[in-house]
């Protein structure tokens, strides 16, 4: 009997050993952080649009940003931006300089740099 196109023997899942390599993890994090930034942009434009309605509208919108949930989301956004930038620099190094060595170290360094920026944001007293 021939295996179907959707059987586990012909279609590897996310748990495959090849998907746990640093390059795959970096690509996945780069895409997820990009999606997070893309979701944020419309909200940012809405906030900027309230400034056009006047100072009172902007002040009422900014009052919402003082809640703890929004502060946590801001930290996540800053961390996602930093991780996205660091992993993007990794992609540029691969494409422009054919740098493919020490993948695990480079990926770990990029993620650590991004999270360090997020930690600095937390420590700044936001």
PDB file of N, CA and C in Angstrom:
ATOM      1  N   UNK A   1       0.833  -1.173   0.000  1.00  0.00           N
ATOM      2  CA  UNK A   1       0.000   0.000   0.000  1.00  0.00           C
ATOM      3  C   UNK A   1       0.883   1.244   0.000  1.00  0.00           C
ATOM      4  N   UNK A   2       0.570   2.157  -0.856  1.00  0.00           N
ATOM      5  CA  UNK A   2       1.345   3.381  -1.008  1.00  0.00           C
ATOM      6  C   UNK A   2       0.921   4.392   0.068  1.00  0.00           C
ATOM      7  N   UNK A   3       1.906   5.053   0.752  1.00  0.00           N
ATOM      8  CA  UNK A   3       1.525   6.028   1.780  1.00  0.00           C
ATOM      9  C   UNK A   3       0.878   7.258   1.153  1.00  0.00           C
ATOM     10  N   UNK A   4      -0.080   7.823   1.862  1.00  0.00           N
ATOM     11  CA  UNK A   4      -0.760   9.015   1.343  1.00  0.00           C
ATOM     12  C   UNK A   4       0.152  10.233   1.457  1.00  0.00           C
ATOM     13  N   UNK A   5      -0.249  11.298   0.782  1.00  0.00           N
ATOM     14  CA  UNK A   5       0.552  12.522   0.795  1.00  0.00           C
ATOM     15  C   UNK A   5       0.582  13.168   2.173  1.00  0.00           C
ATOM     16  N   UNK A   6      -0.364  12.812   3.022  1.00  0.00           N
ATOM     17  CA  UNK A   6      -0.440  13.436   4.330  1.00  0.00           C
ATOM     18  C   UNK A   6       0.041  12.527   5.453  1.00  0.00           C
ATOM     19  N   UNK A   7       0.621  11.403   5.122  1.00  0.00           N
ATOM     20  CA  UNK A   7       1.090  10.510   6.176  1.00  0.00           C
ATOM     21  C   UNK A   7       2.375  11.061   6.778  1.00  0.00           C
ATOM     22  N   UNK A   8       2.652  10.631   7.994  1.00  0.00           N
ATOM     23  CA  UNK A   8       3.822  11.144   8.700  1.00  0.00           C
ATOM     24  C   UNK A   8       5.128  10.640   8.099  1.00  0.00           C
ATOM     25  N   UNK A   9       5.069   9.602   7.267  1.00  0.00           N
ATOM     26  CA  UNK A   9       6.304   9.098   6.673  1.00  0.00           C
ATOM     27  C   UNK A   9       6.757   9.950   5.494  1.00  0.00           C
ATOM     28  N   UNK A  10       5.847  10.686   4.870  1.00  0.00           N
ATOM     29  CA  UNK A  10       6.247  11.494   3.722  1.00  0.00           C
ATOM     30  C   UNK A  10       6.290  12.983   4.026  1.00  0.00           C
ATOM     31  N   UNK A  11       5.620  13.418   5.086  1.00  0.00           N
ATOM     32  CA  UNK A  11       5.614  14.847   5.435  1.00  0.00           C
ATOM     33  C   UNK A  11       6.170  15.022   6.839  1.00  0.00           C
ATOM     34  N   UNK A  12       7.387  15.513   6.938  1.00  0.00           N
ATOM     35  CA  UNK A  12       7.938  15.712   8.277  1.00  0.00           C
ATOM     36  C   UNK A  12       7.237  16.861   8.988  1.00  0.00           C
ATOM     37  N   UNK A  13       7.149  16.740  10.292  1.00  0.00           N
ATOM     38  CA  UNK A  13       6.521  17.789  11.091  1.00  0.00           C
ATOM     39  C   UNK A  13       7.557  18.690  11.728  1.00  0.00           C
ATOM     40  N   UNK A  14       7.105  19.564  12.584  1.00  0.00           N
ATOM     41  CA  UNK A  14       8.013  20.491  13.243  1.00  0.00           C
ATOM     42  C   UNK A  14       8.935  19.803  14.236  1.00  0.00           C
ATOM     43  N   UNK A  15       8.621  18.583  14.594  1.00  0.00           N
ATOM     44  CA  UNK A  15       9.446  17.881  15.570  1.00  0.00           C
ATOM     45  C   UNK A  15      10.600  17.122  14.938  1.00  0.00           C
ATOM     46  N   UNK A  16      10.730  17.193  13.647  1.00  0.00           N
ATOM     47  CA  UNK A  16      11.839  16.522  12.981  1.00  0.00           C
ATOM     48  C   UNK A  16      13.159  17.104  13.478  1.00  0.00           C
ATOM     49  N   UNK A  17      14.183  16.271  13.518  1.00  0.00           N
ATOM     50  CA  UNK A  17      15.490  16.727  13.986  1.00  0.00           C
ATOM     51  C   UNK A  17      16.044  17.840  13.110  1.00  0.00           C
ATOM     52  N   UNK A  18      15.747  17.808  11.815  1.00  0.00           N
ATOM     53  CA  UNK A  18      16.265  18.850  10.926  1.00  0.00           C
ATOM     54  C   UNK A  18      15.646  20.203  11.232  1.00  0.00           C
ATOM     55  N   UNK A  19      14.464  20.207  11.838  1.00  0.00           N
ATOM     56  CA  UNK A  19      13.811  21.467  12.162  1.00  0.00           C
ATOM     57  C   UNK A  19      14.276  22.036  13.497  1.00  0.00           C
ATOM     58  N   UNK A  20      15.067  21.307  14.221  1.00  0.00           N
ATOM     59  CA  UNK A  20      15.571  21.807  15.490  1.00  0.00           C
ATOM     60  C   UNK A  20      16.960  22.407  15.345  1.00  0.00           C
ATOM     61  N   UNK A  21      17.424  22.560  14.125  1.00  0.00           N
ATOM     62  CA  UNK A  21      18.736  23.147  13.884  1.00  0.00           C
ATOM     63  C   UNK A  21      18.670  24.655  14.105  1.00  0.00           C
ATOM     64  N   UNK A  22      19.792  25.259  14.463  1.00  0.00           N
ATOM     65  CA  UNK A  22      19.798  26.702  14.751  1.00  0.00           C
ATOM     66  C   UNK A  22      19.320  27.565  13.589  1.00  0.00           C
ATOM     67  N   UNK A  23      19.639  27.182  12.366  1.00  0.00           N
ATOM     68  CA  UNK A  23      19.200  27.969  11.218  1.00  0.00           C
ATOM     69  C   UNK A  23      17.692  28.001  11.082  1.00  0.00           C
ATOM     70  N   UNK A  24      17.047  26.872  11.330  1.00  0.00           N
ATOM     71  CA  UNK A  24      15.585  26.824  11.266  1.00  0.00           C
ATOM     72  C   UNK A  24      14.968  27.644  12.393  1.00  0.00           C
ATOM     73  N   UNK A  25      15.527  27.527  13.578  1.00  0.00           N
ATOM     74  CA  UNK A  25      15.013  28.290  14.715  1.00  0.00           C
ATOM     75  C   UNK A  25      15.164  29.784  14.456  1.00  0.00           C
ATOM     76  N   UNK A  26      16.307  30.184  13.881  1.00  0.00           N
ATOM     77  CA  UNK A  26      16.523  31.597  13.564  1.00  0.00           C
ATOM     78  C   UNK A  26      15.513  32.083  12.539  1.00  0.00           C
ATOM     79  N   UNK A  27      15.277  31.287  11.507  1.00  0.00           N
ATOM     80  CA  UNK A  27      14.315  31.682  10.474  1.00  0.00           C
ATOM     81  C   UNK A  27      12.908  31.787  11.056  1.00  0.00           C
ATOM     82  N   UNK A  28      12.554  30.846  11.912  1.00  0.00           N
ATOM     83  CA  UNK A  28      11.231  30.870  12.533  1.00  0.00           C
ATOM     84  C   UNK A  28      11.058  32.101  13.427  1.00  0.00           C
ATOM     85  N   UNK A  29      12.059  32.388  14.259  1.00  0.00           N
ATOM     86  CA  UNK A  29      11.980  33.563  15.134  1.00  0.00           C
ATOM     87  C   UNK A  29      11.966  34.857  14.331  1.00  0.00           C
ATOM     88  N   UNK A  30      12.725  34.883  13.235  1.00  0.00           N
ATOM     89  CA  UNK A  30      12.757  36.080  12.391  1.00  0.00           C
ATOM     90  C   UNK A  30      11.382  36.337  11.791  1.00  0.00           C
ATOM     91  N   UNK A  31      10.734  35.288  11.337  1.00  0.00           N
ATOM     92  CA  UNK A  31       9.401  35.452  10.755  1.00  0.00           C
ATOM     93  C   UNK A  31       8.357  35.812  11.815  1.00  0.00           C
ATOM     94  N   UNK A  32       8.410  35.163  12.965  1.00  0.00           N
ATOM     95  CA  UNK A  32       7.439  35.457  14.024  1.00  0.00           C
ATOM     96  C   UNK A  32       7.594  36.885  14.552  1.00  0.00           C
ATOM     97  N   UNK A  33       8.839  37.338  14.700  1.00  0.00           N
ATOM     98  CA  UNK A  33       9.034  38.718  15.153  1.00  0.00           C
ATOM     99  C   UNK A  33       8.578  39.698  14.082  1.00  0.00           C
ATOM    100  N   UNK A  34       8.746  39.342  12.813  1.00  0.00           N
ATOM    101  CA  UNK A  34       8.239  40.188  11.731  1.00  0.00           C
ATOM    102  C   UNK A  34       6.727  40.279  11.737  1.00  0.00           C
ATOM    103  N   UNK A  35       6.065  39.174  12.020  1.00  0.00           N
ATOM    104  CA  UNK A  35       4.600  39.184  12.108  1.00  0.00           C
ATOM    105  C   UNK A  35       4.155  40.050  13.288  1.00  0.00           C
ATOM    106  N   UNK A  36       4.850  39.940  14.410  1.00  0.00           N
ATOM    107  CA  UNK A  36       4.501  40.766  15.575  1.00  0.00           C
ATOM    108  C   UNK A  36       4.635  42.249  15.246  1.00  0.00           C
ATOM    109  N   UNK A  37       5.677  42.602  14.521  1.00  0.00           N
ATOM    110  CA  UNK A  37       5.856  44.005  14.133  1.00  0.00           C
ATOM    111  C   UNK A  37       4.792  44.440  13.138  1.00  0.00           C
ATOM    112  N   UNK A  38       4.411  43.555  12.236  1.00  0.00           N
ATOM    113  CA  UNK A  38       3.371  43.888  11.256  1.00  0.00           C
ATOM    114  C   UNK A  38       2.013  44.065  11.930  1.00  0.00           C
ATOM    115  N   UNK A  39       1.752  43.316  12.989  1.00  0.00           N
ATOM    116  CA  UNK A  39       0.499  43.469  13.730  1.00  0.00           C
ATOM    117  C   UNK A  39       0.500  44.795  14.497  1.00  0.00           C
ATOM    118  N   UNK A  40       1.670  45.205  14.963  1.00  0.00           N
ATOM    119  CA  UNK A  40       1.771  46.448  15.729  1.00  0.00           C
ATOM    120  C   UNK A  40       1.561  47.689  14.864  1.00  0.00           C
ATOM    121  N   UNK A  41       2.013  47.669  13.633  1.00  0.00           N
ATOM    122  CA  UNK A  41       1.980  48.879  12.803  1.00  0.00           C
ATOM    123  C   UNK A  41       0.597  49.511  12.661  1.00  0.00           C
ATOM    124  N   UNK A  42      -0.465  48.768  12.373  1.00  0.00           N
ATOM    125  CA  UNK A  42      -1.779  49.428  12.288  1.00  0.00           C
ATOM    126  C   UNK A  42      -2.195  50.105  13.597  1.00  0.00           C
ATOM    127  N   UNK A  43      -1.869  49.471  14.724  1.00  0.00           N
ATOM    128  CA  UNK A  43      -2.197  50.092  16.010  1.00  0.00           C
ATOM    129  C   UNK A  43      -1.415  51.390  16.200  1.00  0.00           C
ATOM    130  N   UNK A  44      -0.183  51.397  15.742  1.00  0.00           N
ATOM    131  CA  UNK A  44       0.643  52.598  15.838  1.00  0.00           C
ATOM    132  C   UNK A  44       0.071  53.717  14.969  1.00  0.00           C
ATOM    133  N   UNK A  45      -0.376  53.364  13.775  1.00  0.00           N
ATOM    134  CA  UNK A  45      -0.967  54.372  12.890  1.00  0.00           C
ATOM    135  C   UNK A  45      -2.269  54.920  13.468  1.00  0.00           C
ATOM    136  N   UNK A  46      -3.034  54.074  14.136  1.00  0.00           N
ATOM    137  CA  UNK A  46      -4.261  54.541  14.791  1.00  0.00           C
ATOM    138  C   UNK A  46      -3.911  55.537  15.899  1.00  0.00           C
ATOM    139  N   UNK A  47      -2.859  55.216  16.660  1.00  0.00           N
ATOM    140  CA  UNK A  47      -2.434  56.133  17.724  1.00  0.00           C
ATOM    141  C   UNK A  47      -1.985  57.467  17.143  1.00  0.00           C
ATOM    142  N   UNK A  48      -1.250  57.421  16.051  1.00  0.00           N
ATOM    143  CA  UNK A  48      -0.830  58.664  15.409  1.00  0.00           C
ATOM    144  C   UNK A  48      -2.024  59.429  14.859  1.00  0.00           C
ATOM    145  N   UNK A  49      -3.023  58.701  14.381  1.00  0.00           N
ATOM    146  CA  UNK A  49      -4.222  59.342  13.854  1.00  0.00           C
ATOM    147  C   UNK A  49      -5.014  60.074  14.918  1.00  0.00           C
ATOM    148  N   UNK A  50      -4.952  59.588  16.156  1.00  0.00           N
ATOM    149  CA  UNK A  50      -5.667  60.292  17.225  1.00  0.00           C
ATOM    150  C   UNK A  50      -5.042  61.654  17.501  1.00  0.00           C
ATOM    151  N   UNK A  51      -3.766  61.798  17.215  1.00  0.00           N
ATOM    152  CA  UNK A  51      -3.118  63.098  17.403  1.00  0.00           C
ATOM    153  C   UNK A  51      -3.687  64.132  16.442  1.00  0.00           C
ATOM    154  N   UNK A  52      -4.148  63.678  15.286  1.00  0.00           N
ATOM    155  CA  UNK A  52      -4.744  64.601  14.321  1.00  0.00           C
ATOM    156  C   UNK A  52      -6.113  65.091  14.778  1.00  0.00           C
ATOM    157  N   UNK A  53      -6.746  64.322  15.664  1.00  0.00           N
ATOM    158  CA  UNK A  53      -8.071  64.698  16.173  1.00  0.00           C
ATOM    159  C   UNK A  53      -7.993  65.728  17.291  1.00  0.00           C
ATOM    160  N   UNK A  54      -6.820  65.953  17.804  1.00  0.00           N
ATOM    161  CA  UNK A  54      -6.657  66.937  18.868  1.00  0.00           C
ATOM    162  C   UNK A  54      -5.953  66.357  20.078  1.00  0.00           C
ATOM    163  N   UNK A  55      -5.563  67.250  20.962  1.00  0.00           N
ATOM    164  CA  UNK A  55      -4.799  66.847  22.141  1.00  0.00           C
ATOM    165  C   UNK A  55      -5.621  65.984  23.093  1.00  0.00           C
ATOM    166  N   UNK A  56      -6.903  66.275  23.221  1.00  0.00           N
ATOM    167  CA  UNK A  56      -7.742  65.489  24.141  1.00  0.00           C
ATOM    168  C   UNK A  56      -7.874  64.044  23.687  1.00  0.00           C
ATOM    169  N   UNK A  57      -8.039  63.843  22.393  1.00  0.00           N
ATOM    170  CA  UNK A  57      -8.152  62.476  21.868  1.00  0.00           C
ATOM    171  C   UNK A  57      -6.852  61.717  22.071  1.00  0.00           C
ATOM    172  N   UNK A  58      -5.733  62.380  21.835  1.00  0.00           N
ATOM    173  CA  UNK A  58      -4.436  61.727  22.031  1.00  0.00           C
ATOM    174  C   UNK A  58      -4.207  61.419  23.509  1.00  0.00           C
ATOM    175  N   UNK A  59      -4.541  62.348  24.376  1.00  0.00           N
ATOM    176  CA  UNK A  59      -4.359  62.117  25.812  1.00  0.00           C
ATOM    177  C   UNK A  59      -5.205  60.952  26.315  1.00  0.00           C
ATOM    178  N   UNK A  60      -6.421  60.838  25.816  1.00  0.00           N
ATOM    179  CA  UNK A  60      -7.267  59.719  26.251  1.00  0.00           C
ATOM    180  C   UNK A  60      -6.726  58.393  25.734  1.00  0.00           C
ATOM    181  N   UNK A  61      -6.158  58.402  24.535  1.00  0.00           N
ATOM    182  CA  UNK A  61      -5.556  57.175  24.013  1.00  0.00           C
ATOM    183  C   UNK A  61      -4.296  56.826  24.799  1.00  0.00           C
ATOM    184  N   UNK A  62      -3.481  57.822  25.100  1.00  0.00           N
ATOM    185  CA  UNK A  62      -2.241  57.561  25.830  1.00  0.00           C
ATOM    186  C   UNK A  62      -2.496  57.132  27.266  1.00  0.00           C
ATOM    187  N   UNK A  63      -3.650  57.475  27.823  1.00  0.00           N
ATOM    188  CA  UNK A  63      -3.990  57.032  29.175  1.00  0.00           C
ATOM    189  C   UNK A  63      -4.109  55.511  29.230  1.00  0.00           C
ATOM    190  N   UNK A  64      -4.528  54.912  28.137  1.00  0.00           N
ATOM    191  CA  UNK A  64      -4.648  53.450  28.068  1.00  0.00           C
ATOM    192  C   UNK A  64      -3.272  52.796  28.140  1.00  0.00           C
ATOM    193  N   UNK A  65      -2.252  53.483  27.664  1.00  0.00           N
ATOM    194  CA  UNK A  65      -0.916  52.887  27.595  1.00  0.00           C
ATOM    195  C   UNK A  65      -0.244  52.768  28.951  1.00  0.00           C
ATOM    196  N   UNK A  66      -0.870  53.252  30.004  1.00  0.00           N
ATOM    197  CA  UNK A  66      -0.271  53.156  31.333  1.00  0.00           C
ATOM    198  C   UNK A  66      -0.642  51.865  32.058  1.00  0.00           C
ATOM    199  N   UNK A  67      -1.438  51.019  31.456  1.00  0.00           N
ATOM    200  CA  UNK A  67      -1.824  49.764  32.116  1.00  0.00           C
ATOM    201  C   UNK A  67      -0.666  48.768  32.062  1.00  0.00           C
ATOM    202  N   UNK A  68      -0.569  47.880  33.045  1.00  0.00           N
ATOM    203  CA  UNK A  68       0.527  46.902  33.074  1.00  0.00           C
ATOM    204  C   UNK A  68       0.542  45.974  31.854  1.00  0.00           C
ATOM    205  N   UNK A  69      -0.629  45.629  31.350  1.00  0.00           N
ATOM    206  CA  UNK A  69      -0.680  44.750  30.183  1.00  0.00           C
ATOM    207  C   UNK A  69      -0.043  45.419  28.965  1.00  0.00           C
ATOM    208  N   UNK A  70      -0.305  46.700  28.797  1.00  0.00           N
ATOM    209  CA  UNK A  70       0.290  47.434  27.675  1.00  0.00           C
ATOM    210  C   UNK A  70       1.796  47.567  27.877  1.00  0.00           C
ATOM    211  N   UNK A  71       2.236  47.747  29.108  1.00  0.00           N
ATOM    212  CA  UNK A  71       3.675  47.836  29.388  1.00  0.00           C
ATOM    213  C   UNK A  71       4.381  46.528  29.026  1.00  0.00           C
ATOM    214  N   UNK A  72       3.751  45.407  29.342  1.00  0.00           N
ATOM    215  CA  UNK A  72       4.328  44.106  28.984  1.00  0.00           C
ATOM    216  C   UNK A  72       4.356  43.951  27.467  1.00  0.00           C
ATOM    217  N   UNK A  73       3.300  44.389  26.810  1.00  0.00           N
ATOM    218  CA  UNK A  73       3.262  44.326  25.347  1.00  0.00           C
ATOM    219  C   UNK A  73       4.335  45.217  24.734  1.00  0.00           C
ATOM    220  N   UNK A  74       4.594  46.374  25.337  1.00  0.00           N
ATOM    221  CA  UNK A  74       5.661  47.251  24.846  1.00  0.00           C
ATOM    222  C   UNK A  74       7.015  46.569  24.969  1.00  0.00           C
ATOM    223  N   UNK A  75       7.244  45.896  26.109  1.00  0.00           N
ATOM    224  CA  UNK A  75       8.499  45.174  26.276  1.00  0.00           C
ATOM    225  C   UNK A  75       8.629  44.088  25.208  1.00  0.00           C
ATOM    226  N   UNK A  76       7.544  43.361  24.965  1.00  0.00           N
ATOM    227  CA  UNK A  76       7.570  42.324  23.935  1.00  0.00           C
ATOM    228  C   UNK A  76       7.833  42.905  22.560  1.00  0.00           C
ATOM    229  N   UNK A  77       7.269  44.063  22.295  1.00  0.00           N
ATOM    230  CA  UNK A  77       7.475  44.708  21.004  1.00  0.00           C
ATOM    231  C   UNK A  77       8.919  45.152  20.827  1.00  0.00           C
ATOM    232  N   UNK A  78       9.491  45.772  21.849  1.00  0.00           N
ATOM    233  CA  UNK A  78      10.889  46.205  21.764  1.00  0.00           C
ATOM    234  C   UNK A  78      11.800  44.994  21.617  1.00  0.00           C
ATOM    235  N   UNK A  79      11.526  43.936  22.358  1.00  0.00           N
ATOM    236  CA  UNK A  79      12.334  42.715  22.239  1.00  0.00           C
ATOM    237  C   UNK A  79      12.185  42.096  20.856  1.00  0.00           C
ATOM    238  N   UNK A  80      10.963  42.056  20.329  1.00  0.00           N
ATOM    239  CA  UNK A  80      10.740  41.500  18.990  1.00  0.00           C
ATOM    240  C   UNK A  80      11.461  42.322  17.934  1.00  0.00           C
ATOM    241  N   UNK A  81      11.444  43.640  18.081  1.00  0.00           N
ATOM    242  CA  UNK A  81      12.142  44.502  17.129  1.00  0.00           C
ATOM    243  C   UNK A  81      13.643  44.250  17.166  1.00  0.00           C
ATOM    244  N   UNK A  82      14.202  44.131  18.365  1.00  0.00           N
ATOM    245  CA  UNK A  82      15.639  43.901  18.489  1.00  0.00           C
ATOM    246  C   UNK A  82      16.033  42.520  17.965  1.00  0.00           C
ATOM    247  N   UNK A  83      15.247  41.501  18.282  1.00  0.00           N
ATOM    248  CA  UNK A  83      15.533  40.153  17.772  1.00  0.00           C
ATOM    249  C   UNK A  83      15.410  40.134  16.252  1.00  0.00           C
ATOM    250  N   UNK A  84      14.387  40.791  15.722  1.00  0.00           N
ATOM    251  CA  UNK A  84      14.188  40.837  14.273  1.00  0.00           C
ATOM    252  C   UNK A  84      15.371  41.522  13.588  1.00  0.00           C
ATOM    253  N   UNK A  85      15.845  42.619  14.170  1.00  0.00           N
ATOM    254  CA  UNK A  85      16.983  43.319  13.585  1.00  0.00           C
ATOM    255  C   UNK A  85      18.253  42.465  13.647  1.00  0.00           C
ATOM    256  N   UNK A  86      18.512  41.845  14.793  1.00  0.00           N
ATOM    257  CA  UNK A  86      19.719  41.038  14.936  1.00  0.00           C
ATOM    258  C   UNK A  86      19.700  39.840  13.990  1.00  0.00           C
ATOM    259  N   UNK A  87      18.567  39.178  13.868  1.00  0.00           N
ATOM    260  CA  UNK A  87      18.482  38.035  12.956  1.00  0.00           C
ATOM    261  C   UNK A  87      18.496  38.496  11.505  1.00  0.00           C
ATOM    262  N   UNK A  88      17.992  39.690  11.236  1.00  0.00           N
ATOM    263  CA  UNK A  88      18.085  40.250   9.889  1.00  0.00           C
ATOM    264  C   UNK A  88      19.525  40.543   9.505  1.00  0.00           C
ATOM    265  N   UNK A  89      20.320  41.026  10.456  1.00  0.00           N
ATOM    266  CA  UNK A  89      21.747  41.243  10.187  1.00  0.00           C
ATOM    267  C   UNK A  89      22.444  39.919   9.899  1.00  0.00           C
ATOM    268  N   UNK A  90      22.009  38.861  10.574  1.00  0.00           N
ATOM    269  CA  UNK A  90      22.555  37.524  10.297  1.00  0.00           C
ATOM    270  C   UNK A  90      22.254  37.115   8.862  1.00  0.00           C
ATOM    271  N   UNK A  91      21.021  37.364   8.410  1.00  0.00           N
ATOM    272  CA  UNK A  91      20.645  37.025   7.033  1.00  0.00           C
ATOM    273  C   UNK A  91      21.484  37.826   6.042  1.00  0.00           C
ATOM    274  N   UNK A  92      21.687  39.105   6.315  1.00  0.00           N
ATOM    275  CA  UNK A  92      22.517  39.927   5.426  1.00  0.00           C
ATOM    276  C   UNK A  92      23.951  39.416   5.372  1.00  0.00           C
ATOM    277  N   UNK A  93      24.494  38.993   6.514  1.00  0.00           N
ATOM    278  CA  UNK A  93      25.852  38.447   6.531  1.00  0.00           C
ATOM    279  C   UNK A  93      25.937  37.171   5.704  1.00  0.00           C
ATOM    280  N   UNK A  94      24.899  36.353   5.756  1.00  0.00           N
ATOM    281  CA  UNK A  94      24.887  35.123   4.959  1.00  0.00           C
ATOM    282  C   UNK A  94      24.823  35.455   3.476  1.00  0.00           C
ATOM    283  N   UNK A  95      23.958  36.406   3.100  1.00  0.00           N
ATOM    284  CA  UNK A  95      23.766  36.713   1.683  1.00  0.00           C
ATOM    285  C   UNK A  95      24.917  37.502   1.088  1.00  0.00           C
ATOM    286  N   UNK A  96      25.412  38.492   1.798  1.00  0.00           N
ATOM    287  CA  UNK A  96      26.428  39.369   1.225  1.00  0.00           C
ATOM    288  C   UNK A  96      27.844  38.840   1.377  1.00  0.00           C
ATOM    289  N   UNK A  97      28.121  38.171   2.490  1.00  0.00           N
ATOM    290  CA  UNK A  97      29.489  37.748   2.771  1.00  0.00           C
ATOM    291  C   UNK A  97      29.665  36.238   2.768  1.00  0.00           C
ATOM    292  N   UNK A  98      28.633  35.501   2.404  1.00  0.00           N
ATOM    293  CA  UNK A  98      28.658  34.031   2.406  1.00  0.00           C
ATOM    294  C   UNK A  98      29.116  33.487   3.757  1.00  0.00           C
ATOM    295  N   UNK A  99      28.725  34.156   4.817  1.00  0.00           N
ATOM    296  CA  UNK A  99      29.092  33.730   6.161  1.00  0.00           C
ATOM    297  C   UNK A  99      28.116  32.669   6.629  1.00  0.00           C
ATOM    298  N   UNK A 100      28.593  31.442   6.734  1.00  0.00           N
ATOM    299  CA  UNK A 100      27.726  30.347   7.153  1.00  0.00           C
ATOM    300  C   UNK A 100      28.299  29.576   8.341  1.00  0.00           C
ATOM    301  N   UNK A 101      29.423  30.005   8.839  1.00  0.00           N
ATOM    302  CA  UNK A 101      30.048  29.283   9.935  1.00  0.00           C
ATOM    303  C   UNK A 101      29.476  29.653  11.287  1.00  0.00           C
ATOM    304  N   UNK A 102      29.649  28.770  12.243  1.00  0.00           N
ATOM    305  CA  UNK A 102      29.251  28.994  13.635  1.00  0.00           C
ATOM    306  C   UNK A 102      27.782  29.392  13.763  1.00  0.00           C
ATOM    307  N   UNK A 103      26.926  28.691  13.055  1.00  0.00           N
ATOM    308  CA  UNK A 103      25.509  29.060  13.013  1.00  0.00           C
ATOM    309  C   UNK A 103      24.893  29.109  14.405  1.00  0.00           C
ATOM    310  N   UNK A 104      25.148  28.108  15.213  1.00  0.00           N
ATOM    311  CA  UNK A 104      24.530  28.064  16.546  1.00  0.00           C
ATOM    312  C   UNK A 104      24.972  29.252  17.388  1.00  0.00           C
ATOM    313  N   UNK A 105      26.246  29.586  17.337  1.00  0.00           N
ATOM    314  CA  UNK A 105      26.751  30.718  18.111  1.00  0.00           C
ATOM    315  C   UNK A 105      26.204  32.047  17.632  1.00  0.00           C
ATOM    316  N   UNK A 106      26.112  32.199  16.318  1.00  0.00           N
ATOM    317  CA  UNK A 106      25.591  33.450  15.757  1.00  0.00           C
ATOM    318  C   UNK A 106      24.113  33.611  16.100  1.00  0.00           C
ATOM    319  N   UNK A 107      23.353  32.539  15.978  1.00  0.00           N
ATOM    320  CA  UNK A 107      21.925  32.601  16.305  1.00  0.00           C
ATOM    321  C   UNK A 107      21.742  32.892  17.792  1.00  0.00           C
ATOM    322  N   UNK A 108      22.484  32.211  18.631  1.00  0.00           N
ATOM    323  CA  UNK A 108      22.378  32.455  20.073  1.00  0.00           C
ATOM    324  C   UNK A 108      22.780  33.885  20.409  1.00  0.00           C
ATOM    325  N   UNK A 109      23.830  34.388  19.764  1.00  0.00           N
ATOM    326  CA  UNK A 109      24.257  35.768  19.999  1.00  0.00           C
ATOM    327  C   UNK A 109      23.220  36.777  19.553  1.00  0.00           C
ATOM    328  N   UNK A 110      22.592  36.521  18.414  1.00  0.00           N
ATOM    329  CA  UNK A 110      21.560  37.435  17.912  1.00  0.00           C
ATOM    330  C   UNK A 110      20.359  37.460  18.847  1.00  0.00           C
ATOM    331  N   UNK A 111      19.945  36.293  19.306  1.00  0.00           N
ATOM    332  CA  UNK A 111      18.806  36.233  20.227  1.00  0.00           C
ATOM    333  C   UNK A 111      19.169  36.878  21.561  1.00  0.00           C
ATOM    334  N   UNK A 112      20.388  36.613  22.043  1.00  0.00           N
ATOM    335  CA  UNK A 112      20.821  37.216  23.306  1.00  0.00           C
ATOM    336  C   UNK A 112      20.899  38.736  23.191  1.00  0.00           C
ATOM    337  N   UNK A 113      21.391  39.236  22.060  1.00  0.00           N
ATOM    338  CA  UNK A 113      21.462  40.688  21.868  1.00  0.00           C
ATOM    339  C   UNK A 113      20.066  41.299  21.856  1.00  0.00           C
ATOM    340  N   UNK A 114      19.148  40.647  21.183  1.00  0.00           N
ATOM    341  CA  UNK A 114      17.779  41.148  21.151  1.00  0.00           C
ATOM    342  C   UNK A 114      17.133  41.161  22.519  1.00  0.00           C
ATOM    343  N   UNK A 115      17.326  40.099  23.270  1.00  0.00           N
ATOM    344  CA  UNK A 115      16.745  40.043  24.613  1.00  0.00           C
ATOM    345  C   UNK A 115      17.451  41.002  25.569  1.00  0.00           C
ATOM    346  N   UNK A 116      18.748  41.265  25.337  1.00  0.00           N
ATOM    347  CA  UNK A 116      19.461  42.251  26.154  1.00  0.00           C
ATOM    348  C   UNK A 116      18.886  43.645  25.936  1.00  0.00           C
ATOM    349  N   UNK A 117      18.545  43.963  24.700  1.00  0.00           N
ATOM    350  CA  UNK A 117      17.905  45.252  24.425  1.00  0.00           C
ATOM    351  C   UNK A 117      16.558  45.320  25.143  1.00  0.00           C
ATOM    352  N   UNK A 118      15.810  44.229  25.111  1.00  0.00           N
ATOM    353  CA  UNK A 118      14.543  44.192  25.838  1.00  0.00           C
ATOM    354  C   UNK A 118      14.739  44.361  27.334  1.00  0.00           C
ATOM    355  N   UNK A 119      15.794  43.753  27.873  1.00  0.00           N
ATOM    356  CA  UNK A 119      16.087  43.895  29.298  1.00  0.00           C
ATOM    357  C   UNK A 119      16.473  45.333  29.628  1.00  0.00           C
ATOM    358  N   UNK A 120      17.275  45.958  28.764  1.00  0.00           N
ATOM    359  CA  UNK A 120      17.622  47.368  28.973  1.00  0.00           C
ATOM    360  C   UNK A 120      16.375  48.245  28.960  1.00  0.00           C
ATOM    361  N   UNK A 121      15.433  47.907  28.096  1.00  0.00           N
ATOM    362  CA  UNK A 121      14.173  48.648  28.053  1.00  0.00           C
ATOM    363  C   UNK A 121      13.419  48.490  29.370  1.00  0.00           C
ATOM    364  N   UNK A 122      13.416  47.265  29.905  1.00  0.00           N
ATOM    365  CA  UNK A 122      12.758  47.039  31.195  1.00  0.00           C
ATOM    366  C   UNK A 122      13.429  47.828  32.314  1.00  0.00           C
ATOM    367  N   UNK A 123      14.760  47.829  32.295  1.00  0.00           N
ATOM    368  CA  UNK A 123      15.504  48.489  33.363  1.00  0.00           C
ATOM    369  C   UNK A 123      15.480  50.009  33.248  1.00  0.00           C
ATOM    370  N   UNK A 124      15.096  50.520  32.090  1.00  0.00           N
ATOM    371  CA  UNK A 124      15.066  51.975  31.905  1.00  0.00           C
ATOM    372  C   UNK A 124      13.916  52.616  32.667  1.00  0.00           C
ATOM    373  N   UNK A 125      13.044  51.803  33.214  1.00  0.00           N
ATOM    374  CA  UNK A 125      11.941  52.321  34.001  1.00  0.00           C
ATOM    375  C   UNK A 125      10.718  52.644  33.180  1.00  0.00           C
ATOM    376  N   UNK A 126      10.741  52.309  31.945  1.00  0.00           N
ATOM    377  CA  UNK A 126       9.696  52.571  30.955  1.00  0.00           C
ATOM    378  C   UNK A 126       8.712  53.513  31.494  1.00  0.00           C
TER     379      UNK A 126
END
